[in-house]
Every structure is written in structure tokens, then in C-alpha cells.
């Protein structure tokens, strides 16, 4: 099954002379970025921004094409929020002391 990625050409930015296109893993995050960009910019004369769905394979195929833009992957906001909330806060870490060896267990068999 193909991994869907979402992009909008109006979100692309020129960095060091080349176009960098953000690829979102969440349609809702892409739509929010498009809306934020539309609210920040003056109304566009070429119509509303459109979100394009791309497969990961199609993006990989474009990486070798020098005329294609560079890509930056944008993690889903829910994943970023989860990481900020839990990771490194001790929620997933629990130190467990090793159990003492019982004294009535026979020693392992010796190799002959």
C-alpha cells in the first residue's frame, strides 16, 4: 500500500537558489498550512491553492530528476505533539531491578 503524502506548490520556498517543497504526512496539517499561508498573503490572482496527493514512490522517483524540487518532510502534528508531551519525560522509562537468583535452583549442566 502506498504511503500518501500531501503537497501544495504555493507552500514551496526558495532556499539557497532552489525550490524546497514541504511534503505533509497528514492532509489536515497540509490544509492548515495552506489556510495559514492564504491568510498571511494577499489574495492570489491565480486562484485558490490546491492540495496534491503524492505517493512516497513517486517522490522517490523524482529525487533523481534535477528539475524536480527538493523536499522537506513534515511529520504529523499529532506525532510531534505526542513526542513533546511524553518522550523524555519518564513516561516510557521504568527502571526494573533484576530479580535475585533463587538459591534452590541447580547450577547449569556442564558441557562434556
Protein backbone atom coordinates (compact mmCIF):
# COMPACT_ATOMS: atom_id res chain seq x y z
CA UNK A 1 0.00 0.00 0.00
CA UNK A 2 1.32 3.43 -0.96
CA UNK A 3 2.14 5.98 1.71
CA UNK A 4 0.21 9.15 0.85
CA UNK A 5 1.96 12.49 1.06
CA UNK A 6 0.33 15.86 0.55
CA UNK A 7 1.80 18.97 -1.06
CA UNK A 8 0.79 22.38 -2.32
CA UNK A 9 3.00 24.23 -4.78
CA UNK A 10 2.14 27.55 -3.14
CA UNK A 11 3.87 26.38 0.05
CA UNK A 12 7.21 25.90 -1.72
CA UNK A 13 10.02 28.26 -0.74
CA UNK A 14 13.30 29.12 -2.43
CA UNK A 15 16.27 28.21 -0.26
CA UNK A 16 19.84 28.67 -1.49
CA UNK A 17 18.61 29.16 -5.04
CA UNK A 18 16.46 26.03 -5.20
CA UNK A 19 12.81 25.28 -4.56
CA UNK A 20 12.05 23.28 -1.41
CA UNK A 21 8.59 21.74 -1.26
CA UNK A 22 7.15 20.64 2.09
CA UNK A 23 5.53 17.20 2.00
CA UNK A 24 2.96 16.58 4.70
CA UNK A 25 2.09 13.14 6.03
CA UNK A 26 -1.30 14.47 7.20
CA UNK A 27 -3.90 16.02 4.89
CA UNK A 28 -5.29 18.07 7.80
CA UNK A 29 -1.83 19.53 8.53
CA UNK A 30 -1.34 20.39 4.85
CA UNK A 31 -4.77 22.05 4.70
CA UNK A 32 -3.96 24.06 7.84
CA UNK A 33 -0.65 25.21 6.34
CA UNK A 34 -2.38 26.21 3.10
CA UNK A 35 -5.00 28.17 5.04
CA UNK A 36 -2.36 29.88 7.17
CA UNK A 37 -0.39 30.84 4.06
CA UNK A 38 -3.54 32.17 2.37
CA UNK A 39 -4.38 34.27 5.42
CA UNK A 40 -0.83 35.65 5.61
CA UNK A 41 -0.57 36.55 1.93
CA UNK A 42 -2.62 38.92 -0.18
CA UNK A 43 -5.33 37.24 -2.24
CA UNK A 44 -3.77 35.35 -5.11
CA UNK A 45 -4.79 36.20 -8.66
CA UNK A 46 -4.24 32.66 -9.91
CA UNK A 47 -6.99 31.07 -7.83
CA UNK A 48 -7.12 29.09 -4.62
CA UNK A 49 -4.29 26.80 -3.57
CA UNK A 50 -4.86 23.13 -4.28
CA UNK A 51 -3.52 20.19 -2.33
CA UNK A 52 -2.00 17.37 -4.36
CA UNK A 53 -1.73 13.79 -3.11
CA UNK A 54 1.53 12.04 -3.94
CA UNK A 55 2.75 8.54 -3.21
CA UNK A 56 6.08 8.03 -1.49
CA UNK A 57 7.23 6.06 -4.53
CA UNK A 58 6.51 8.99 -6.87
CA UNK A 59 8.52 11.30 -4.60
CA UNK A 60 11.44 8.84 -4.55
CA UNK A 61 11.29 8.65 -8.35
CA UNK A 62 11.52 12.46 -8.55
CA UNK A 63 14.60 12.65 -6.31
CA UNK A 64 16.86 11.72 -9.21
CA UNK A 65 15.40 14.39 -11.50
CA UNK A 66 17.46 17.62 -11.28
CA UNK A 67 14.47 19.67 -12.47
CA UNK A 68 12.34 18.48 -9.51
CA UNK A 69 12.22 20.49 -6.30
CA UNK A 70 13.89 19.39 -3.11
CA UNK A 71 11.53 18.06 -0.46
CA UNK A 72 11.20 18.55 3.25
CA UNK A 73 9.07 16.02 5.10
CA UNK A 74 6.68 17.40 7.72
CA UNK A 75 5.75 14.97 10.49
CA UNK A 76 2.08 14.81 11.51
CA UNK A 77 1.29 17.37 14.19
CA UNK A 78 -0.22 14.60 16.34
CA UNK A 79 3.14 12.78 16.34
CA UNK A 80 5.05 15.97 17.14
CA UNK A 81 2.63 16.73 19.99
CA UNK A 82 2.97 13.18 21.33
CA UNK A 83 6.77 13.46 21.29
CA UNK A 84 6.70 16.82 23.05
CA UNK A 85 4.30 15.55 25.69
CA UNK A 86 5.78 12.15 26.54
CA UNK A 87 9.20 11.35 25.15
CA UNK A 88 11.95 12.08 27.64
CA UNK A 89 9.51 12.81 30.44
CA UNK A 90 9.98 9.41 32.08
CA UNK A 91 6.62 8.08 30.94
CA UNK A 92 8.16 5.29 28.90
CA UNK A 93 11.08 4.66 31.19
CA UNK A 94 10.78 2.46 34.21
CA UNK A 95 13.88 1.11 35.86
CA UNK A 96 13.44 -2.53 36.80
CA UNK A 97 15.78 -4.11 39.29
CA UNK A 98 16.93 -7.59 38.31
CA UNK A 99 15.31 -10.37 40.29
CA UNK A 100 17.69 -12.17 42.63
CA UNK A 101 18.61 -15.70 41.65
CA UNK A 102 16.82 -18.26 43.83
CA UNK A 103 19.23 -20.33 45.87
CA UNK A 104 17.46 -23.63 45.31
CA UNK A 105 17.99 -23.63 41.54
CA UNK A 106 20.52 -26.22 40.46
CA UNK A 107 23.55 -24.97 38.54
CA UNK A 108 23.50 -25.32 34.76
CA UNK A 109 24.75 -28.61 33.33
CA UNK A 110 28.40 -28.65 32.44
CA UNK A 111 29.36 -29.29 28.84
CA UNK A 112 31.03 -32.67 28.40
